[in-house]
Structures are given as structure tokens and as C-alpha cells.
Amino acid sequence: MRYINSRFTYLLTYLSPMLLAVYVNDISLAMSKSGRGCYFDNISAGCVMYADDLLLLSESLCDLQAMVDICCEELEKIDMKLNVMKSQVVRIGRSHSKAVNDVVIGDVYNLC
């Protein structure tokens, strides 16, 4: 029995990244379909994923909020949610210090 458990654990460890990719692929598809986010040479670069991390890039806070809402909706479908405590908003550019509305993740406001 111990041999079976260790093989199963090994298999699960190997498959976990692939299974996660299958689950979260819908987020990337929904982002592409929405047309929101940044584009480089007509290629969507608004949603970048690596392992269980997600980076959203947008030209405006309005688009960013829409992208966050899409993520929350897609994650809710697979019984997952964003970890608000590990989420950050970073603004760059000339008006990075200008006061703006907060970005809402679920029911939590994330200061910009």
C-alpha cells in the first residue's frame, strides 16, 4: 500500500501544474475575447500567467477593473478565488501619483 501511495503522490505532483493550466485556461480565453488589456503587434499581452500567478496589464483603470471582474467570474466557475492579501496594483507613467478610484476584488477595495 505504501508503494501505491508514493506513486500516486508522485503522479499528482507531476500532473498538478498541467491540471491547473487546464483549469485556468478559461481565464486567458475570456480575456482575449473581451479585447481588454495591452496589445503588442495585435497580440494580446493583457493576461500573463506563470504557475499559479496572474499578471494583468491594462492602459486604464477602467479596463483593469473589467479584467479583474472577468477573472473573478471565471474563477468562481471553478470554485476558486483571488487571494486579495497577495494582490497588488502598480501604476506607472506620468500620472502614477494622481488620485484615482480603487480597484475592487470581490468585495475588497485594493488601493491604487
PDB file of N, CA and C in Angstrom:
ATOM      1  N   MET A   1       0.819  -1.199   0.000  1.00  0.00           N
ATOM      2  CA  MET A   1       0.000   0.000   0.000  1.00  0.00           C
ATOM      3  C   MET A   1       0.863   1.263   0.000  1.00  0.00           C
ATOM      4  N   ARG A   2       1.961   1.231   0.705  1.00  0.00           N
ATOM      5  CA  ARG A   2       2.842   2.392   0.763  1.00  0.00           C
ATOM      6  C   ARG A   2       3.396   2.730  -0.625  1.00  0.00           C
ATOM      7  N   TYR A   3       3.708   1.710  -1.416  1.00  0.00           N
ATOM      8  CA  TYR A   3       4.233   1.908  -2.761  1.00  0.00           C
ATOM      9  C   TYR A   3       3.192   2.609  -3.644  1.00  0.00           C
ATOM     10  N   ILE A   4       1.950   2.215  -3.543  1.00  0.00           N
ATOM     11  CA  ILE A   4       0.881   2.821  -4.339  1.00  0.00           C
ATOM     12  C   ILE A   4       0.708   4.288  -3.952  1.00  0.00           C
ATOM     13  N   ASN A   5       0.699   4.603  -2.679  1.00  0.00           N
ATOM     14  CA  ASN A   5       0.549   5.984  -2.223  1.00  0.00           C
ATOM     15  C   ASN A   5       1.694   6.858  -2.710  1.00  0.00           C
ATOM     16  N   SER A   6       2.916   6.347  -2.650  1.00  0.00           N
ATOM     17  CA  SER A   6       4.050   7.163  -3.084  1.00  0.00           C
ATOM     18  C   SER A   6       4.006   7.380  -4.592  1.00  0.00           C
ATOM     19  N   ARG A   7       3.576   6.376  -5.367  1.00  0.00           N
ATOM     20  CA  ARG A   7       3.449   6.548  -6.823  1.00  0.00           C
ATOM     21  C   ARG A   7       2.333   7.534  -7.144  1.00  0.00           C
ATOM     22  N   PHE A   8       1.238   7.464  -6.404  1.00  0.00           N
ATOM     23  CA  PHE A   8       0.125   8.390  -6.619  1.00  0.00           C
ATOM     24  C   PHE A   8       0.550   9.815  -6.291  1.00  0.00           C
ATOM     25  N   THR A   9       1.276   9.984  -5.197  1.00  0.00           N
ATOM     26  CA  THR A   9       1.766  11.309  -4.812  1.00  0.00           C
ATOM     27  C   THR A   9       2.708  11.851  -5.881  1.00  0.00           C
ATOM     28  N   TYR A  10       3.593  10.997  -6.397  1.00  0.00           N
ATOM     29  CA  TYR A  10       4.500  11.414  -7.462  1.00  0.00           C
ATOM     30  C   TYR A  10       3.716  11.828  -8.703  1.00  0.00           C
ATOM     31  N   LEU A  11       2.734  11.034  -9.087  1.00  0.00           N
ATOM     32  CA  LEU A  11       1.919  11.330 -10.256  1.00  0.00           C
ATOM     33  C   LEU A  11       1.148  12.632 -10.072  1.00  0.00           C
ATOM     34  N   LEU A  12       0.563  12.826  -8.908  1.00  0.00           N
ATOM     35  CA  LEU A  12      -0.194  14.045  -8.626  1.00  0.00           C
ATOM     36  C   LEU A  12       0.716  15.268  -8.648  1.00  0.00           C
ATOM     37  N   THR A  13       1.912  15.136  -8.102  1.00  0.00           N
ATOM     38  CA  THR A  13       2.876  16.236  -8.117  1.00  0.00           C
ATOM     39  C   THR A  13       3.250  16.597  -9.549  1.00  0.00           C
ATOM     40  N   TYR A  14       3.415  15.603 -10.385  1.00  0.00           N
ATOM     41  CA  TYR A  14       3.772  15.833 -11.779  1.00  0.00           C
ATOM     42  C   TYR A  14       2.611  16.448 -12.557  1.00  0.00           C
ATOM     43  N   LEU A  15       1.395  16.015 -12.282  1.00  0.00           N
ATOM     44  CA  LEU A  15       0.228  16.478 -13.033  1.00  0.00           C
ATOM     45  C   LEU A  15      -0.343  17.807 -12.539  1.00  0.00           C
ATOM     46  N   SER A  16      -0.048  18.197 -11.308  1.00  0.00           N
ATOM     47  CA  SER A  16      -0.652  19.405 -10.729  1.00  0.00           C
ATOM     48  C   SER A  16      -0.508  20.646 -11.600  1.00  0.00           C
ATOM     49  N   PRO A  17       0.693  20.988 -12.093  1.00  0.00           N
ATOM     50  CA  PRO A  17       0.805  22.182 -12.938  1.00  0.00           C
ATOM     51  C   PRO A  17      -0.039  22.083 -14.205  1.00  0.00           C
ATOM     52  N   MET A  18      -0.087  20.877 -14.794  1.00  0.00           N
ATOM     53  CA  MET A  18      -0.883  20.706 -16.014  1.00  0.00           C
ATOM     54  C   MET A  18      -2.375  20.837 -15.728  1.00  0.00           C
ATOM     55  N   LEU A  19      -2.822  20.256 -14.620  1.00  0.00           N
ATOM     56  CA  LEU A  19      -4.235  20.359 -14.265  1.00  0.00           C
ATOM     57  C   LEU A  19      -4.622  21.796 -13.970  1.00  0.00           C
ATOM     58  N   LEU A  20      -3.752  22.519 -13.283  1.00  0.00           N
ATOM     59  CA  LEU A  20      -4.014  23.930 -13.007  1.00  0.00           C
ATOM     60  C   LEU A  20      -4.112  24.707 -14.314  1.00  0.00           C
ATOM     61  N   ALA A  21      -3.222  24.423 -15.249  1.00  0.00           N
ATOM     62  CA  ALA A  21      -3.245  25.110 -16.546  1.00  0.00           C
ATOM     63  C   ALA A  21      -4.553  24.856 -17.270  1.00  0.00           C
ATOM     64  N   VAL A  22      -5.057  23.642 -17.203  1.00  0.00           N
ATOM     65  CA  VAL A  22      -6.340  23.325 -17.843  1.00  0.00           C
ATOM     66  C   VAL A  22      -7.460  24.115 -17.185  1.00  0.00           C
ATOM     67  N   TYR A  23      -7.452  24.186 -15.871  1.00  0.00           N
ATOM     68  CA  TYR A  23      -8.493  24.907 -15.147  1.00  0.00           C
ATOM     69  C   TYR A  23      -8.478  26.398 -15.452  1.00  0.00           C
ATOM     70  N   VAL A  24      -7.329  27.021 -15.417  1.00  0.00           N
ATOM     71  CA  VAL A  24      -7.249  28.473 -15.554  1.00  0.00           C
ATOM     72  C   VAL A  24      -7.146  28.945 -17.002  1.00  0.00           C
ATOM     73  N   ASN A  25      -7.087  28.032 -17.955  1.00  0.00           N
ATOM     74  CA  ASN A  25      -7.021  28.414 -19.356  1.00  0.00           C
ATOM     75  C   ASN A  25      -8.232  29.258 -19.761  1.00  0.00           C
ATOM     76  N   ASP A  26      -9.378  29.011 -19.149  1.00  0.00           N
ATOM     77  CA  ASP A  26     -10.585  29.783 -19.471  1.00  0.00           C
ATOM     78  C   ASP A  26     -10.415  31.265 -19.144  1.00  0.00           C
ATOM     79  N   ILE A  27      -9.599  31.582 -18.155  1.00  0.00           N
ATOM     80  CA  ILE A  27      -9.350  32.988 -17.826  1.00  0.00           C
ATOM     81  C   ILE A  27      -8.663  33.670 -19.000  1.00  0.00           C
ATOM     82  N   SER A  28      -7.633  33.030 -19.520  1.00  0.00           N
ATOM     83  CA  SER A  28      -6.900  33.590 -20.652  1.00  0.00           C
ATOM     84  C   SER A  28      -7.810  33.733 -21.873  1.00  0.00           C
ATOM     85  N   LEU A  29      -8.636  32.746 -22.129  1.00  0.00           N
ATOM     86  CA  LEU A  29      -9.562  32.809 -23.265  1.00  0.00           C
ATOM     87  C   LEU A  29     -10.575  33.935 -23.088  1.00  0.00           C
ATOM     88  N   ALA A  30     -11.111  34.074 -21.887  1.00  0.00           N
ATOM     89  CA  ALA A  30     -12.092  35.137 -21.622  1.00  0.00           C
ATOM     90  C   ALA A  30     -11.459  36.516 -21.782  1.00  0.00           C
ATOM     91  N   MET A  31     -10.208  36.651 -21.357  1.00  0.00           N
ATOM     92  CA  MET A  31      -9.508  37.928 -21.507  1.00  0.00           C
ATOM     93  C   MET A  31      -9.319  38.272 -22.976  1.00  0.00           C
ATOM     94  N   SER A  32      -8.902  37.293 -23.765  1.00  0.00           N
ATOM     95  CA  SER A  32      -8.702  37.529 -25.193  1.00  0.00           C
ATOM     96  C   SER A  32     -10.005  37.930 -25.875  1.00  0.00           C
ATOM     97  N   LYS A  33     -11.087  37.239 -25.531  1.00  0.00           N
ATOM     98  CA  LYS A  33     -12.387  37.538 -26.126  1.00  0.00           C
ATOM     99  C   LYS A  33     -12.899  38.918 -25.736  1.00  0.00           C
ATOM    100  N   SER A  34     -12.524  39.387 -24.541  1.00  0.00           N
ATOM    101  CA  SER A  34     -13.019  40.681 -24.063  1.00  0.00           C
ATOM    102  C   SER A  34     -12.389  41.845 -24.819  1.00  0.00           C
ATOM    103  N   GLY A  35     -11.189  41.632 -25.373  1.00  0.00           N
ATOM    104  CA  GLY A  35     -10.490  42.705 -26.074  1.00  0.00           C
ATOM    105  C   GLY A  35      -9.847  43.713 -25.145  1.00  0.00           C
ATOM    106  N   ARG A  36      -9.862  43.458 -23.855  1.00  0.00           N
ATOM    107  CA  ARG A  36      -9.282  44.375 -22.880  1.00  0.00           C
ATOM    108  C   ARG A  36      -7.820  44.029 -22.637  1.00  0.00           C
ATOM    109  N   GLY A  37      -7.082  44.976 -22.080  1.00  0.00           N
ATOM    110  CA  GLY A  37      -5.685  44.743 -21.763  1.00  0.00           C
ATOM    111  C   GLY A  37      -4.759  45.323 -22.807  1.00  0.00           C
ATOM    112  N   CYS A  38      -3.493  45.078 -22.640  1.00  0.00           N
ATOM    113  CA  CYS A  38      -2.474  45.615 -23.547  1.00  0.00           C
ATOM    114  C   CYS A  38      -2.262  44.688 -24.732  1.00  0.00           C
ATOM    115  N   TYR A  39      -1.924  45.304 -25.850  1.00  0.00           N
ATOM    116  CA  TYR A  39      -1.627  44.560 -27.074  1.00  0.00           C
ATOM    117  C   TYR A  39      -0.292  45.040 -27.634  1.00  0.00           C
ATOM    118  N   PHE A  40       0.489  44.092 -28.133  1.00  0.00           N
ATOM    119  CA  PHE A  40       1.741  44.393 -28.820  1.00  0.00           C
ATOM    120  C   PHE A  40       1.688  43.709 -30.181  1.00  0.00           C
ATOM    121  N   ASP A  41       1.743  44.496 -31.246  1.00  0.00           N
ATOM    122  CA  ASP A  41       1.635  43.953 -32.605  1.00  0.00           C
ATOM    123  C   ASP A  41       0.396  43.072 -32.762  1.00  0.00           C
ATOM    124  N   ASN A  42      -0.728  43.547 -32.267  1.00  0.00           N
ATOM    125  CA  ASN A  42      -2.015  42.835 -32.342  1.00  0.00           C
ATOM    126  C   ASN A  42      -2.023  41.502 -31.605  1.00  0.00           C
ATOM    127  N   ILE A  43      -1.100  41.309 -30.685  1.00  0.00           N
ATOM    128  CA  ILE A  43      -1.067  40.105 -29.853  1.00  0.00           C
ATOM    129  C   ILE A  43      -1.430  40.516 -28.432  1.00  0.00           C
ATOM    130  N   SER A  44      -2.413  39.839 -27.865  1.00  0.00           N
ATOM    131  CA  SER A  44      -2.863  40.162 -26.512  1.00  0.00           C
ATOM    132  C   SER A  44      -1.773  39.846 -25.495  1.00  0.00           C
ATOM    133  N   ALA A  45      -1.426  40.842 -24.686  1.00  0.00           N
ATOM    134  CA  ALA A  45      -0.451  40.655 -23.608  1.00  0.00           C
ATOM    135  C   ALA A  45      -1.031  41.174 -22.299  1.00  0.00           C
ATOM    136  N   GLY A  46      -2.349  41.237 -22.223  1.00  0.00           N
ATOM    137  CA  GLY A  46      -3.003  41.775 -21.037  1.00  0.00           C
ATOM    138  C   GLY A  46      -3.108  40.804 -19.886  1.00  0.00           C
ATOM    139  N   CYS A  47      -2.975  39.523 -20.187  1.00  0.00           N
ATOM    140  CA  CYS A  47      -3.099  38.494 -19.156  1.00  0.00           C
ATOM    141  C   CYS A  47      -1.912  37.550 -19.288  1.00  0.00           C
ATOM    142  N   VAL A  48      -1.005  37.603 -18.320  1.00  0.00           N
ATOM    143  CA  VAL A  48       0.190  36.758 -18.328  1.00  0.00           C
ATOM    144  C   VAL A  48       0.104  35.829 -17.134  1.00  0.00           C
ATOM    145  N   MET A  49       0.260  34.528 -17.392  1.00  0.00           N
ATOM    146  CA  MET A  49       0.181  33.538 -16.313  1.00  0.00           C
ATOM    147  C   MET A  49       1.481  32.761 -16.224  1.00  0.00           C
ATOM    148  N   TYR A  50       1.887  32.498 -14.991  1.00  0.00           N
ATOM    149  CA  TYR A  50       3.026  31.630 -14.730  1.00  0.00           C
ATOM    150  C   TYR A  50       2.707  30.849 -13.466  1.00  0.00           C
ATOM    151  N   ALA A  51       2.640  29.529 -13.597  1.00  0.00           N
ATOM    152  CA  ALA A  51       2.244  28.659 -12.490  1.00  0.00           C
ATOM    153  C   ALA A  51       0.903  29.127 -11.947  1.00  0.00           C
ATOM    154  N   ASP A  52       0.841  29.519 -10.680  1.00  0.00           N
ATOM    155  CA  ASP A  52      -0.439  29.982 -10.133  1.00  0.00           C
ATOM    156  C   ASP A  52      -0.469  31.497  -9.973  1.00  0.00           C
ATOM    157  N   ASP A  53       0.425  32.194 -10.665  1.00  0.00           N
ATOM    158  CA  ASP A  53       0.454  33.656 -10.617  1.00  0.00           C
ATOM    159  C   ASP A  53      -0.209  34.233 -11.865  1.00  0.00           C
ATOM    160  N   LEU A  54      -0.805  35.394 -11.699  1.00  0.00           N
ATOM    161  CA  LEU A  54      -1.527  36.049 -12.779  1.00  0.00           C
ATOM    162  C   LEU A  54      -1.156  37.524 -12.793  1.00  0.00           C
ATOM    163  N   LEU A  55      -0.766  38.028 -13.955  1.00  0.00           N
ATOM    164  CA  LEU A  55      -0.410  39.432 -14.128  1.00  0.00           C
ATOM    165  C   LEU A  55      -1.369  40.032 -15.147  1.00  0.00           C
ATOM    166  N   LEU A  56      -2.067  41.098 -14.759  1.00  0.00           N
ATOM    167  CA  LEU A  56      -2.981  41.791 -15.652  1.00  0.00           C
ATOM    168  C   LEU A  56      -2.371  43.133 -16.026  1.00  0.00           C
ATOM    169  N   LEU A  57      -2.290  43.411 -17.316  1.00  0.00           N
ATOM    170  CA  LEU A  57      -1.734  44.669 -17.812  1.00  0.00           C
ATOM    171  C   LEU A  57      -2.812  45.409 -18.588  1.00  0.00           C
ATOM    172  N   SER A  58      -3.025  46.673 -18.238  1.00  0.00           N
ATOM    173  CA  SER A  58      -4.020  47.464 -18.966  1.00  0.00           C
ATOM    174  C   SER A  58      -3.550  48.911 -19.068  1.00  0.00           C
ATOM    175  N   GLU A  59      -4.149  49.623 -20.010  1.00  0.00           N
ATOM    176  CA  GLU A  59      -3.805  51.034 -20.206  1.00  0.00           C
ATOM    177  C   GLU A  59      -4.640  51.957 -19.341  1.00  0.00           C
ATOM    178  N   SER A  60      -5.710  51.440 -18.751  1.00  0.00           N
ATOM    179  CA  SER A  60      -6.573  52.290 -17.920  1.00  0.00           C
ATOM    180  C   SER A  60      -7.095  51.500 -16.727  1.00  0.00           C
ATOM    181  N   LEU A  61      -7.458  52.225 -15.690  1.00  0.00           N
ATOM    182  CA  LEU A  61      -8.031  51.567 -14.510  1.00  0.00           C
ATOM    183  C   LEU A  61      -9.402  50.987 -14.812  1.00  0.00           C
ATOM    184  N   CYS A  62     -10.126  51.604 -15.728  1.00  0.00           N
ATOM    185  CA  CYS A  62     -11.434  51.090 -16.125  1.00  0.00           C
ATOM    186  C   CYS A  62     -11.277  49.695 -16.750  1.00  0.00           C
ATOM    187  N   ASP A  63     -10.311  49.560 -17.653  1.00  0.00           N
ATOM    188  CA  ASP A  63     -10.041  48.251 -18.257  1.00  0.00           C
ATOM    189  C   ASP A  63      -9.535  47.259 -17.217  1.00  0.00           C
ATOM    190  N   LEU A  64      -8.686  47.719 -16.318  1.00  0.00           N
ATOM    191  CA  LEU A  64      -8.163  46.838 -15.277  1.00  0.00           C
ATOM    192  C   LEU A  64      -9.292  46.303 -14.410  1.00  0.00           C
ATOM    193  N   GLN A  65     -10.233  47.162 -14.029  1.00  0.00           N
ATOM    194  CA  GLN A  65     -11.350  46.711 -13.214  1.00  0.00           C
ATOM    195  C   GLN A  65     -12.181  45.674 -13.967  1.00  0.00           C
ATOM    196  N   ALA A  66     -12.411  45.909 -15.250  1.00  0.00           N
ATOM    197  CA  ALA A  66     -13.166  44.939 -16.060  1.00  0.00           C
ATOM    198  C   ALA A  66     -12.420  43.611 -16.134  1.00  0.00           C
ATOM    199  N   MET A  67     -11.098  43.660 -16.247  1.00  0.00           N
ATOM    200  CA  MET A  67     -10.296  42.445 -16.307  1.00  0.00           C
ATOM    201  C   MET A  67     -10.333  41.686 -14.981  1.00  0.00           C
ATOM    202  N   VAL A  68     -10.264  42.403 -13.884  1.00  0.00           N
ATOM    203  CA  VAL A  68     -10.365  41.773 -12.562  1.00  0.00           C
ATOM    204  C   VAL A  68     -11.727  41.111 -12.409  1.00  0.00           C
ATOM    205  N   ASP A  69     -12.780  41.788 -12.866  1.00  0.00           N
ATOM    206  CA  ASP A  69     -14.132  41.219 -12.792  1.00  0.00           C
ATOM    207  C   ASP A  69     -14.235  39.940 -13.618  1.00  0.00           C
ATOM    208  N   ILE A  70     -13.631  39.939 -14.807  1.00  0.00           N
ATOM    209  CA  ILE A  70     -13.633  38.730 -15.650  1.00  0.00           C
ATOM    210  C   ILE A  70     -12.916  37.594 -14.930  1.00  0.00           C
ATOM    211  N   CYS A  71     -11.769  37.892 -14.320  1.00  0.00           N
ATOM    212  CA  CYS A  71     -11.030  36.868 -13.567  1.00  0.00           C
ATOM    213  C   CYS A  71     -11.869  36.291 -12.437  1.00  0.00           C
ATOM    214  N   CYS A  72     -12.503  37.169 -11.691  1.00  0.00           N
ATOM    215  CA  CYS A  72     -13.327  36.711 -10.566  1.00  0.00           C
ATOM    216  C   CYS A  72     -14.471  35.830 -11.051  1.00  0.00           C
ATOM    217  N   GLU A  73     -15.111  36.207 -12.151  1.00  0.00           N
ATOM    218  CA  GLU A  73     -16.217  35.409 -12.709  1.00  0.00           C
ATOM    219  C   GLU A  73     -15.726  34.039 -13.170  1.00  0.00           C
ATOM    220  N   GLU A  74     -14.609  34.013 -13.884  1.00  0.00           N
ATOM    221  CA  GLU A  74     -14.082  32.739 -14.382  1.00  0.00           C
ATOM    222  C   GLU A  74     -13.606  31.849 -13.238  1.00  0.00           C
ATOM    223  N   LEU A  75     -12.964  32.426 -12.244  1.00  0.00           N
ATOM    224  CA  LEU A  75     -12.504  31.638 -11.096  1.00  0.00           C
ATOM    225  C   LEU A  75     -13.676  31.105 -10.280  1.00  0.00           C
ATOM    226  N   GLU A  76     -14.737  31.884 -10.186  1.00  0.00           N
ATOM    227  CA  GLU A  76     -15.922  31.436  -9.447  1.00  0.00           C
ATOM    228  C   GLU A  76     -16.517  30.187 -10.094  1.00  0.00           C
ATOM    229  N   LYS A  77     -16.444  30.093 -11.410  1.00  0.00           N
ATOM    230  CA  LYS A  77     -16.975  28.927 -12.132  1.00  0.00           C
ATOM    231  C   LYS A  77     -16.264  27.638 -11.742  1.00  0.00           C
ATOM    232  N   ILE A  78     -15.005  27.733 -11.351  1.00  0.00           N
ATOM    233  CA  ILE A  78     -14.241  26.540 -10.962  1.00  0.00           C
ATOM    234  C   ILE A  78     -13.989  26.504  -9.460  1.00  0.00           C
ATOM    235  N   ASP A  79     -14.806  27.247  -8.725  1.00  0.00           N
ATOM    236  CA  ASP A  79     -14.774  27.257  -7.258  1.00  0.00           C
ATOM    237  C   ASP A  79     -13.420  27.706  -6.711  1.00  0.00           C
ATOM    238  N   MET A  80     -12.858  28.735  -7.339  1.00  0.00           N
ATOM    239  CA  MET A  80     -11.611  29.332  -6.869  1.00  0.00           C
ATOM    240  C   MET A  80     -11.833  30.832  -6.723  1.00  0.00           C
ATOM    241  N   LYS A  81     -10.897  31.509  -6.060  1.00  0.00           N
ATOM    242  CA  LYS A  81     -10.982  32.963  -5.949  1.00  0.00           C
ATOM    243  C   LYS A  81      -9.596  33.553  -5.823  1.00  0.00           C
ATOM    244  N   LEU A  82      -9.508  34.858  -6.109  1.00  0.00           N
ATOM    245  CA  LEU A  82      -8.234  35.564  -5.983  1.00  0.00           C
ATOM    246  C   LEU A  82      -7.895  35.759  -4.517  1.00  0.00           C
ATOM    247  N   ASN A  83      -6.624  35.671  -4.193  1.00  0.00           N
ATOM    248  CA  ASN A  83      -6.164  35.943  -2.841  1.00  0.00           C
ATOM    249  C   ASN A  83      -5.894  37.445  -2.743  1.00  0.00           C
ATOM    250  N   VAL A  84      -6.810  38.157  -2.117  1.00  0.00           N
ATOM    251  CA  VAL A  84      -6.726  39.613  -2.020  1.00  0.00           C
ATOM    252  C   VAL A  84      -5.485  40.051  -1.241  1.00  0.00           C
ATOM    253  N   MET A  85      -5.081  39.258  -0.281  1.00  0.00           N
ATOM    254  CA  MET A  85      -3.924  39.616   0.536  1.00  0.00           C
ATOM    255  C   MET A  85      -2.621  39.569  -0.264  1.00  0.00           C
ATOM    256  N   LYS A  86      -2.606  38.806  -1.354  1.00  0.00           N
ATOM    257  CA  LYS A  86      -1.402  38.702  -2.180  1.00  0.00           C
ATOM    258  C   LYS A  86      -1.515  39.513  -3.470  1.00  0.00           C
ATOM    259  N   SER A  87      -2.578  40.290  -3.598  1.00  0.00           N
ATOM    260  CA  SER A  87      -2.810  41.061  -4.827  1.00  0.00           C
ATOM    261  C   SER A  87      -2.331  42.499  -4.663  1.00  0.00           C
ATOM    262  N   GLN A  88      -1.771  43.050  -5.729  1.00  0.00           N
ATOM    263  CA  GLN A  88      -1.258  44.414  -5.709  1.00  0.00           C
ATOM    264  C   GLN A  88      -1.655  45.133  -6.992  1.00  0.00           C
ATOM    265  N   VAL A  89      -1.779  46.437  -6.898  1.00  0.00           N
ATOM    266  CA  VAL A  89      -1.979  47.285  -8.066  1.00  0.00           C
ATOM    267  C   VAL A  89      -0.779  48.214  -8.153  1.00  0.00           C
ATOM    268  N   VAL A  90      -0.139  48.237  -9.301  1.00  0.00           N
ATOM    269  CA  VAL A  90       1.020  49.093  -9.521  1.00  0.00           C
ATOM    270  C   VAL A  90       0.707  49.986 -10.704  1.00  0.00           C
ATOM    271  N   ARG A  91       0.862  51.279 -10.514  1.00  0.00           N
ATOM    272  CA  ARG A  91       0.633  52.240 -11.590  1.00  0.00           C
ATOM    273  C   ARG A  91       1.956  52.857 -11.988  1.00  0.00           C
ATOM    274  N   ILE A  92       2.147  52.972 -13.300  1.00  0.00           N
ATOM    275  CA  ILE A  92       3.368  53.604 -13.795  1.00  0.00           C
ATOM    276  C   ILE A  92       2.992  54.679 -14.809  1.00  0.00           C
ATOM    277  N   GLY A  93       3.894  55.583 -15.061  1.00  0.00           N
ATOM    278  CA  GLY A  93       3.644  56.647 -16.025  1.00  0.00           C
ATOM    279  C   GLY A  93       3.636  58.005 -15.360  1.00  0.00           C
ATOM    280  N   ARG A  94       3.357  59.029 -16.160  1.00  0.00           N
ATOM    281  CA  ARG A  94       3.392  60.407 -15.668  1.00  0.00           C
ATOM    282  C   ARG A  94       2.400  60.678 -14.551  1.00  0.00           C
ATOM    283  N   SER A  95       1.226  60.062 -14.615  1.00  0.00           N
ATOM    284  CA  SER A  95       0.188  60.373 -13.624  1.00  0.00           C
ATOM    285  C   SER A  95       0.070  59.289 -12.552  1.00  0.00           C
ATOM    286  N   HIS A  96       1.168  58.579 -12.280  1.00  0.00           N
ATOM    287  CA  HIS A  96       1.118  57.480 -11.313  1.00  0.00           C
ATOM    288  C   HIS A  96       0.739  57.926  -9.901  1.00  0.00           C
ATOM    289  N   SER A  97       0.978  59.169  -9.548  1.00  0.00           N
ATOM    290  CA  SER A  97       0.673  59.621  -8.183  1.00  0.00           C
ATOM    291  C   SER A  97      -0.675  60.337  -8.094  1.00  0.00           C
ATOM    292  N   LYS A  98      -1.372  60.463  -9.196  1.00  0.00           N
ATOM    293  CA  LYS A  98      -2.678  61.119  -9.201  1.00  0.00           C
ATOM    294  C   LYS A  98      -3.718  60.239  -8.497  1.00  0.00           C
ATOM    295  N   ALA A  99      -4.601  60.856  -7.713  1.00  0.00           N
ATOM    296  CA  ALA A  99      -5.644  60.117  -7.006  1.00  0.00           C
ATOM    297  C   ALA A  99      -6.646  59.538  -7.994  1.00  0.00           C
ATOM    298  N   VAL A 100      -6.988  58.252  -7.810  1.00  0.00           N
ATOM    299  CA  VAL A 100      -7.944  57.565  -8.680  1.00  0.00           C
ATOM    300  C   VAL A 100      -8.835  56.657  -7.834  1.00  0.00           C
ATOM    301  N   ASN A 101      -9.854  56.106  -8.469  1.00  0.00           N
ATOM    302  CA  ASN A 101     -10.726  55.154  -7.779  1.00  0.00           C
ATOM    303  C   ASN A 101      -9.968  53.872  -7.451  1.00  0.00           C
ATOM    304  N   ASP A 102     -10.442  53.170  -6.437  1.00  0.00           N
ATOM    305  CA  ASP A 102      -9.846  51.895  -6.062  1.00  0.00           C
ATOM    306  C   ASP A 102     -10.241  50.813  -7.051  1.00  0.00           C
ATOM    307  N   VAL A 103      -9.447  49.757  -7.108  1.00  0.00           N
ATOM    308  CA  VAL A 103      -9.786  48.557  -7.864  1.00  0.00           C
ATOM    309  C   VAL A 103     -10.427  47.596  -6.870  1.00  0.00           C
ATOM    310  N   VAL A 104     -11.587  47.065  -7.227  1.00  0.00           N
ATOM    311  CA  VAL A 104     -12.340  46.175  -6.339  1.00  0.00           C
ATOM    312  C   VAL A 104     -12.102  44.728  -6.747  1.00  0.00           C
ATOM    313  N   ILE A 105     -11.679  43.917  -5.786  1.00  0.00           N
ATOM    314  CA  ILE A 105     -11.500  42.476  -5.997  1.00  0.00           C
ATOM    315  C   ILE A 105     -12.508  41.785  -5.109  1.00  0.00           C
ATOM    316  N   GLY A 106     -13.583  41.268  -5.705  1.00  0.00           N
ATOM    317  CA  GLY A 106     -14.675  40.712  -4.916  1.00  0.00           C
ATOM    318  C   GLY A 106     -15.355  41.846  -4.188  1.00  0.00           C
ATOM    319  N   ASP A 107     -15.322  41.809  -2.864  1.00  0.00           N
ATOM    320  CA  ASP A 107     -15.894  42.876  -2.046  1.00  0.00           C
ATOM    321  C   ASP A 107     -14.823  43.717  -1.377  1.00  0.00           C
ATOM    322  N   VAL A 108     -13.564  43.509  -1.751  1.00  0.00           N
ATOM    323  CA  VAL A 108     -12.456  44.182  -1.093  1.00  0.00           C
ATOM    324  C   VAL A 108     -11.872  45.235  -2.016  1.00  0.00           C
ATOM    325  N   TYR A 109     -11.648  46.426  -1.491  1.00  0.00           N
ATOM    326  CA  TYR A 109     -11.053  47.523  -2.255  1.00  0.00           C
ATOM    327  C   TYR A 109      -9.546  47.453  -2.146  1.00  0.00           C
ATOM    328  N   ASN A 110      -8.870  47.521  -3.272  1.00  0.00           N
ATOM    329  CA  ASN A 110      -7.414  47.491  -3.304  1.00  0.00           C
ATOM    330  C   ASN A 110      -6.947  48.879  -3.726  1.00  0.00           C
ATOM    331  N   LEU A 111      -6.249  49.565  -2.868  1.00  0.00           N
ATOM    332  CA  LEU A 111      -5.832  50.924  -3.157  1.00  0.00           C
ATOM    333  C   LEU A 111      -4.849  50.992  -4.288  1.00  0.00           C
ATOM    334  N   CYS A 112      -5.017  51.965  -5.154  1.00  0.00           N
ATOM    335  CA  CYS A 112      -4.112  52.153  -6.295  1.00  0.00           C
ATOM    336  C   CYS A 112      -2.976  53.071  -5.904  1.00  0.00           C
TER     337      CYS A 112
END
